[in-house]
N, C-alpha and C. Protein backbone atom coordinates (compact mmCIF):
# COMPACT_ATOMS: atom_id res chain seq x y z
N MET A 1 134.40 107.81 42.47
CA MET A 1 133.01 107.76 42.54
C MET A 1 132.99 108.88 41.46
N GLN A 2 131.26 108.19 41.12
CA GLN A 2 131.12 109.36 40.04
C GLN A 2 129.86 110.54 40.36
N THR A 3 130.18 111.78 40.22
CA THR A 3 129.51 112.61 40.43
C THR A 3 128.49 113.14 39.72
N LYS A 4 127.05 113.58 39.81
CA LYS A 4 125.86 113.58 39.60
C LYS A 4 125.80 114.81 39.55
N TRP A 5 125.86 115.32 37.99
CA TRP A 5 125.51 116.72 37.43
C TRP A 5 124.06 117.19 37.16
N PRO A 6 123.31 117.87 37.59
CA PRO A 6 121.99 118.78 37.47
C PRO A 6 121.99 118.92 35.97
N SER A 7 120.25 118.47 35.42
CA SER A 7 120.83 118.84 34.31
C SER A 7 119.98 119.87 34.40
N PRO A 8 119.91 120.85 33.00
CA PRO A 8 119.07 122.26 32.57
C PRO A 8 117.67 122.76 33.09
N ASP A 9 117.05 121.60 33.45
CA ASP A 9 115.67 121.30 33.54
C ASP A 9 115.64 120.97 34.86
N GLU A 10 116.70 120.58 35.52
CA GLU A 10 116.61 120.14 36.87
C GLU A 10 117.01 121.56 37.60
N ASP A 11 115.63 121.35 38.89
CA ASP A 11 116.43 122.38 40.00
C ASP A 11 117.86 122.48 40.96
N PRO A 12 118.73 122.88 40.24
CA PRO A 12 119.78 122.51 41.29
C PRO A 12 119.89 122.40 42.68
N GLY A 13 118.86 123.15 43.17
CA GLY A 13 118.54 122.88 44.59
C GLY A 13 118.25 120.97 45.35
N ARG A 14 117.44 120.80 43.85
CA ARG A 14 116.91 119.69 44.32
C ARG A 14 118.42 118.62 43.98
N GLY A 15 118.75 118.88 43.00
CA GLY A 15 120.21 118.41 42.11
C GLY A 15 121.84 118.30 42.89
N GLY A 16 121.50 118.98 43.32
CA GLY A 16 122.56 119.68 44.11
C GLY A 16 123.10 120.92 43.20
N PRO A 17 123.82 121.53 43.56
CA PRO A 17 124.59 122.84 43.05
C PRO A 17 125.22 122.78 41.40
N TRP A 18 125.15 123.62 41.00
CA TRP A 18 126.30 123.27 39.61
C TRP A 18 127.13 123.70 39.58
N PRO A 19 128.18 123.11 39.39
CA PRO A 19 129.88 123.10 39.43
C PRO A 19 129.94 124.37 39.81
N SER A 20 131.05 124.96 41.05
CA SER A 20 130.94 126.48 40.84
C SER A 20 132.12 127.42 39.73
N ASP A 21 132.90 125.99 39.34
CA ASP A 21 133.59 126.55 37.52
C ASP A 21 132.52 127.01 37.27
N TRP A 22 131.45 126.28 36.57
CA TRP A 22 130.57 126.80 35.74
C TRP A 22 130.04 128.49 35.97
N LEU A 23 129.14 128.81 37.06
CA LEU A 23 128.78 129.56 37.14
C LEU A 23 130.27 130.40 37.25
N ARG A 24 131.25 130.47 37.90
CA ARG A 24 132.22 131.67 37.53
C ARG A 24 132.17 132.21 35.81
N ALA A 25 132.16 130.92 35.25
CA ALA A 25 132.58 130.92 33.81
C ALA A 25 130.89 132.16 33.52
N ALA A 26 130.00 131.79 33.97
CA ALA A 26 128.87 132.18 32.85
C ALA A 26 128.18 133.73 34.00
N LEU A 27 128.53 133.85 35.19
CA LEU A 27 128.25 134.98 35.78
C LEU A 27 128.36 136.71 35.04
N GLY A 28 129.34 136.81 35.05
CA GLY A 28 129.42 137.87 34.55
C GLY A 28 128.39 138.44 33.31
N LEU A 29 128.40 137.19 32.43
CA LEU A 29 127.12 137.31 31.29
C LEU A 29 125.85 137.65 32.04
N CYS A 30 125.64 136.49 33.14
CA CYS A 30 124.23 136.42 33.27
C CYS A 30 123.66 137.74 34.26
N ALA A 31 124.59 138.32 34.54
CA ALA A 31 124.67 139.70 35.31
C ALA A 31 124.55 140.76 34.95
N LEU A 32 125.44 140.96 33.49
CA LEU A 32 124.63 141.82 32.30
C LEU A 32 123.29 141.60 31.81
N ARG A 33 123.11 140.43 31.30
CA ARG A 33 121.94 139.92 30.90
C ARG A 33 120.37 140.76 32.11
N ALA A 34 120.83 140.65 33.54
CA ALA A 34 119.91 140.98 34.71
C ALA A 34 120.00 142.03 34.48
N LEU A 35 120.23 142.67 33.68
CA LEU A 35 120.17 144.17 33.49
C LEU A 35 119.58 145.03 32.32
N GLU A 36 120.10 144.14 31.64
CA GLU A 36 119.13 144.54 30.10
C GLU A 36 117.78 145.25 30.35
N ALA A 37 117.13 144.62 31.16
CA ALA A 37 115.19 145.07 31.29
C ALA A 37 115.42 146.87 32.05
N GLY A 38 116.48 147.06 32.68
CA GLY A 38 116.63 147.67 33.24
C GLY A 38 117.36 148.06 34.51
N PRO A 39 117.42 149.18 35.36
CA PRO A 39 118.66 149.36 36.48
C PRO A 39 117.72 148.52 37.69
N SER A 40 118.94 147.62 38.43
CA SER A 40 118.40 146.95 39.67
C SER A 40 119.39 147.11 40.57
N TYR A 41 119.02 146.41 41.53
CA TYR A 41 119.93 146.45 42.81
C TYR A 41 120.70 145.02 43.27
N GLY A 42 121.58 144.65 43.64
CA GLY A 42 121.88 143.62 43.97
C GLY A 42 121.58 142.65 44.47
N TYR A 43 120.46 143.02 45.47
CA TYR A 43 119.69 141.39 45.85
C TYR A 43 118.82 140.87 44.77
N ALA A 44 117.89 141.95 43.69
CA ALA A 44 117.11 141.68 42.78
C ALA A 44 117.66 141.19 41.88
N ILE A 45 119.21 141.41 41.47
CA ILE A 45 119.75 140.73 40.56
C ILE A 45 120.07 139.34 41.09
N ILE A 46 120.27 139.41 42.47
CA ILE A 46 120.69 137.58 43.01
C ILE A 46 119.33 137.31 42.97
N ALA A 47 118.00 137.59 42.98
CA ALA A 47 117.00 136.68 43.34
C ALA A 47 116.65 136.03 41.71
N ASP A 48 116.86 137.57 40.72
CA ASP A 48 116.34 136.91 39.56
C ASP A 48 117.60 135.77 38.66
N LEU A 49 118.74 135.69 39.14
CA LEU A 49 119.87 134.99 38.68
C LEU A 49 119.04 133.30 39.17
N GLU A 50 118.57 133.20 40.85
CA GLU A 50 118.06 132.28 41.27
C GLU A 50 116.76 131.63 40.79
N ARG A 51 115.82 132.37 40.37
CA ARG A 51 114.91 132.13 39.74
C ARG A 51 115.39 131.70 38.33
N ALA A 52 115.68 132.14 37.74
CA ALA A 52 116.34 131.44 36.37
C ALA A 52 116.87 130.45 36.52
N GLY A 53 117.29 129.80 37.73
CA GLY A 53 117.85 128.62 37.41
C GLY A 53 119.13 128.18 38.04
N LEU A 54 119.70 129.14 38.14
CA LEU A 54 121.44 129.36 38.54
C LEU A 54 121.55 128.98 39.98
N GLY A 55 120.42 129.12 41.14
CA GLY A 55 121.15 128.96 42.35
C GLY A 55 121.48 130.17 42.56
N THR A 56 122.27 130.31 44.16
CA THR A 56 121.87 131.50 45.00
C THR A 56 123.43 131.72 45.08
N ILE A 57 123.58 132.87 44.43
CA ILE A 57 124.89 133.63 44.27
C ILE A 57 124.71 134.66 45.38
N LYS A 58 126.06 134.42 46.28
CA LYS A 58 126.14 135.21 47.34
C LYS A 58 126.90 136.76 46.57
N GLY A 59 126.30 137.73 47.44
CA GLY A 59 126.85 138.85 47.34
C GLY A 59 128.14 139.45 47.83
N GLY A 60 128.73 138.31 47.66
CA GLY A 60 130.35 138.74 48.13
C GLY A 60 131.01 138.38 46.57
N THR A 61 130.02 137.45 46.05
CA THR A 61 130.53 137.52 44.50
C THR A 61 130.06 138.23 43.82
N LEU A 62 128.50 138.70 43.92
CA LEU A 62 128.33 139.30 43.01
C LEU A 62 128.67 140.45 42.81
N TYR A 63 128.38 141.72 43.91
CA TYR A 63 129.18 143.08 44.40
C TYR A 63 130.32 143.38 43.63
N PRO A 64 131.33 142.61 43.62
CA PRO A 64 133.19 142.63 43.16
C PRO A 64 132.48 142.76 41.79
N LEU A 65 131.95 141.74 41.40
CA LEU A 65 131.82 141.70 39.82
C LEU A 65 131.18 142.91 39.02
N LEU A 66 130.31 143.68 39.79
CA LEU A 66 129.28 144.53 39.28
C LEU A 66 130.75 146.09 39.78
N THR A 67 131.26 145.76 40.55
CA THR A 67 132.47 147.37 41.13
C THR A 67 133.19 147.10 40.06
N ARG A 68 133.97 146.24 39.39
CA ARG A 68 134.06 145.89 38.27
C ARG A 68 133.57 146.31 37.01
N PHE A 69 132.76 146.27 36.92
CA PHE A 69 131.69 146.49 35.54
C PHE A 69 132.09 148.23 35.62
N GLU A 70 131.26 148.20 36.56
CA GLU A 70 131.39 149.63 37.36
C GLU A 70 132.69 150.60 36.37
N SER A 71 133.97 150.08 37.08
CA SER A 71 134.96 150.60 36.62
C SER A 71 135.22 150.62 35.20
N ALA A 72 134.67 149.65 34.28
CA ALA A 72 135.05 149.29 33.59
C ALA A 72 133.96 150.01 31.86
N GLY A 73 133.42 150.86 33.22
CA GLY A 73 132.27 151.55 32.33
C GLY A 73 131.10 151.01 31.39
N LEU A 74 131.05 149.27 32.08
CA LEU A 74 129.78 148.61 31.62
C LEU A 74 128.43 149.09 32.01
N VAL A 75 128.60 149.65 33.37
CA VAL A 75 127.34 149.89 33.99
C VAL A 75 127.79 150.91 34.73
N ARG A 76 126.58 151.73 35.46
CA ARG A 76 126.88 153.07 36.13
C ARG A 76 125.73 152.77 37.15
N THR A 77 126.00 153.52 38.02
CA THR A 77 125.45 153.48 39.41
C THR A 77 124.86 154.57 40.07
N ARG A 78 123.36 154.44 40.70
CA ARG A 78 122.98 155.13 41.85
C ARG A 78 122.65 154.42 42.61
N TRP A 79 122.39 155.55 43.27
CA TRP A 79 121.75 155.46 45.02
C TRP A 79 120.18 156.16 45.66
N GLU A 80 119.70 155.28 45.96
CA GLU A 80 117.88 155.76 45.73
C GLU A 80 117.38 155.14 47.36
N ALA A 81 116.93 155.98 47.78
CA ALA A 81 116.45 156.40 49.30
C ALA A 81 115.69 155.17 49.66
N GLY A 82 116.05 154.55 50.52
CA GLY A 82 114.73 152.86 50.97
C GLY A 82 113.46 153.54 51.16
N ASP A 83 112.07 152.88 51.42
CA ASP A 83 111.08 153.32 52.03
C ASP A 83 111.42 152.47 53.41
N GLY A 84 111.56 153.85 54.50
CA GLY A 84 111.90 153.62 55.77
C GLY A 84 112.67 152.32 56.01
N GLY A 85 113.14 152.11 54.74
CA GLY A 85 115.27 151.63 55.36
C GLY A 85 116.29 151.85 55.19
N PRO A 86 117.43 151.47 54.39
CA PRO A 86 118.37 151.81 53.82
C PRO A 86 118.23 152.26 52.86
N GLY A 87 118.91 153.06 51.86
CA GLY A 87 118.95 152.92 50.59
C GLY A 87 119.47 152.06 49.40
N ARG A 88 119.40 152.13 48.54
CA ARG A 88 119.61 150.87 47.62
C ARG A 88 120.66 151.73 46.34
N LYS A 89 122.29 150.69 46.58
CA LYS A 89 122.64 151.17 44.94
C LYS A 89 122.37 150.42 43.98
N TYR A 90 121.99 151.13 42.60
CA TYR A 90 121.26 150.52 41.49
C TYR A 90 122.38 150.39 40.60
N PHE A 91 122.00 149.60 39.97
CA PHE A 91 123.44 149.50 38.45
C PHE A 91 122.47 149.62 37.11
N ALA A 92 123.03 149.77 36.34
CA ALA A 92 122.28 150.10 34.98
C ALA A 92 123.02 149.88 34.11
N LEU A 93 122.95 149.28 32.59
CA LEU A 93 124.07 148.81 32.05
C LEU A 93 124.01 150.30 30.61
N THR A 94 125.50 150.99 30.96
CA THR A 94 125.48 151.71 29.74
C THR A 94 125.65 151.17 28.41
N ASP A 95 125.57 152.10 27.22
CA ASP A 95 125.63 151.78 26.14
C ASP A 95 127.00 150.55 25.76
N ALA A 96 127.93 150.95 26.58
CA ALA A 96 128.96 149.82 26.16
C ALA A 96 128.94 148.91 27.05
N GLY A 97 128.17 148.43 27.95
CA GLY A 97 127.64 147.51 28.61
C GLY A 97 126.60 146.73 28.00
N ARG A 98 125.87 147.11 26.70
CA ARG A 98 125.12 146.73 25.97
C ARG A 98 125.77 146.39 24.78
N ALA A 99 126.40 146.90 24.21
CA ALA A 99 127.44 145.99 23.67
C ALA A 99 128.34 145.08 23.68
N GLU A 100 128.93 145.14 24.84
CA GLU A 100 129.65 143.61 25.42
C GLU A 100 128.73 142.47 25.74
N LEU A 101 127.70 142.96 26.25
CA LEU A 101 126.31 141.96 26.42
C LEU A 101 126.27 141.08 25.18
N ASP A 102 125.92 142.59 23.74
CA ASP A 102 125.93 141.68 22.47
C ASP A 102 126.85 140.57 22.52
N THR A 103 127.51 141.09 22.26
CA THR A 103 129.12 140.49 21.85
C THR A 103 129.49 139.71 22.54
N GLN A 104 129.46 139.51 24.20
CA GLN A 104 129.31 137.57 24.90
C GLN A 104 128.78 137.04 24.60
N ARG A 105 127.43 137.69 24.30
CA ARG A 105 126.31 136.12 24.22
C ARG A 105 126.62 135.44 23.07
N GLY A 106 127.23 136.24 21.99
CA GLY A 106 127.49 135.66 20.55
C GLY A 106 128.96 134.79 20.74
N ARG A 107 129.56 135.36 21.59
CA ARG A 107 130.57 134.37 22.05
C ARG A 107 130.14 133.34 22.67
N TRP A 108 129.27 133.35 23.88
CA TRP A 108 128.78 132.54 24.81
C TRP A 108 128.41 131.33 23.53
N ASP A 109 127.22 131.51 22.46
CA ASP A 109 126.50 131.28 21.77
C ASP A 109 127.43 129.95 21.06
N GLY A 110 128.43 130.50 20.39
CA GLY A 110 129.20 130.03 19.55
C GLY A 110 130.30 128.99 20.89
N PHE A 111 130.74 129.18 21.96
CA PHE A 111 131.32 128.16 22.97
C PHE A 111 130.30 127.29 23.28
N ALA A 112 129.29 127.32 23.38
CA ALA A 112 127.86 126.68 24.05
C ALA A 112 127.68 125.33 22.95
N SER A 113 128.09 125.91 21.34
CA SER A 113 127.31 125.29 20.81
C SER A 113 128.76 124.00 20.37
N THR A 114 129.98 124.54 20.20
CA THR A 114 131.21 123.46 19.96
C THR A 114 131.35 122.76 21.43
N THR A 115 131.23 123.01 22.24
CA THR A 115 131.00 122.22 23.59
C THR A 115 130.12 121.16 23.77
N THR A 116 128.90 121.23 23.65
CA THR A 116 127.73 120.25 23.31
C THR A 116 128.38 119.46 21.96
N HIS A 117 128.62 120.45 20.99
CA HIS A 117 128.68 119.00 19.60
C HIS A 117 129.90 118.35 20.01
N TYR A 118 130.64 118.74 20.73
CA TYR A 118 132.12 117.99 21.46
C TYR A 118 131.86 116.94 22.03
N LEU A 119 130.49 117.19 23.07
CA LEU A 119 130.99 116.41 24.26
C LEU A 119 129.42 115.19 23.64
N ASP A 120 128.98 115.82 22.28
CA ASP A 120 128.02 114.79 22.10
C ASP A 120 128.67 113.00 21.79
N PRO A 121 127.80 112.43 22.45
CA PRO A 121 128.39 110.65 22.36
C PRO A 121 128.30 110.41 21.00
N THR A 122 127.53 110.69 20.00
CA THR A 122 127.45 110.13 19.11
C THR A 122 128.37 111.03 18.18
N ARG A 123 129.26 111.87 18.23
CA ARG A 123 130.30 112.10 17.69
C ARG A 123 131.23 111.63 16.87
N ASP A 124 131.49 111.74 15.62
CA ASP A 124 132.58 110.47 15.11
C ASP A 124 134.05 111.50 15.55
N GLY A 125 134.35 110.28 16.27
CA GLY A 125 135.77 111.04 16.75
C GLY A 125 136.38 111.68 16.43
N ASN A 126 136.60 111.35 15.20
CA ASN A 126 137.20 111.70 14.16
C ASN A 126 137.42 113.38 13.72
N ASP A 127 136.18 113.93 13.83
CA ASP A 127 135.99 115.20 13.38
C ASP A 127 136.70 116.45 14.53
N ASP A 128 136.50 117.82 14.11
CA ASP A 128 137.54 118.85 14.69
C ASP A 128 136.84 119.10 15.91
N GLY A 129 135.16 118.46 15.82
CA GLY A 129 134.77 119.22 17.22
C GLY A 129 133.74 120.44 16.84
N ARG A 130 134.08 120.88 15.75
CA ARG A 130 133.44 122.20 15.32
C ARG A 130 132.10 121.61 14.63
N THR A 131 131.55 122.61 14.88
CA THR A 131 130.14 122.55 14.10
C THR A 131 129.93 123.05 13.31
N PRO A 132 129.26 122.10 12.33
CA PRO A 132 128.67 122.23 10.85
C PRO A 132 128.68 123.90 10.09
């Protein structure tokens, strides 16, 4: 049985979710990217990732990742009182987090380019799979 993967321009909700191992590989980089514009809280990060077409990320997946980033010094946190509701924990990139995002963004570009080239059905099977 052949699996139909959604294309990048296809809504994963209609075409089925992205494979979970793809999301696991990209989630850390995407979470850092979500914080690039400024501090945010978990639910807003999840909503941003969903709007970007990555599908629904569960809090039980995102929050441990953000906690690891905090322990690694990539993000800092602060609590803010809620408007008539519970407070929210905000996450913000540190200078080290911005540097890590820049580094990983470049590495991801290289990885994606190499993978795309390798998967190209018109690629000569004798080349080494690296982009020219």
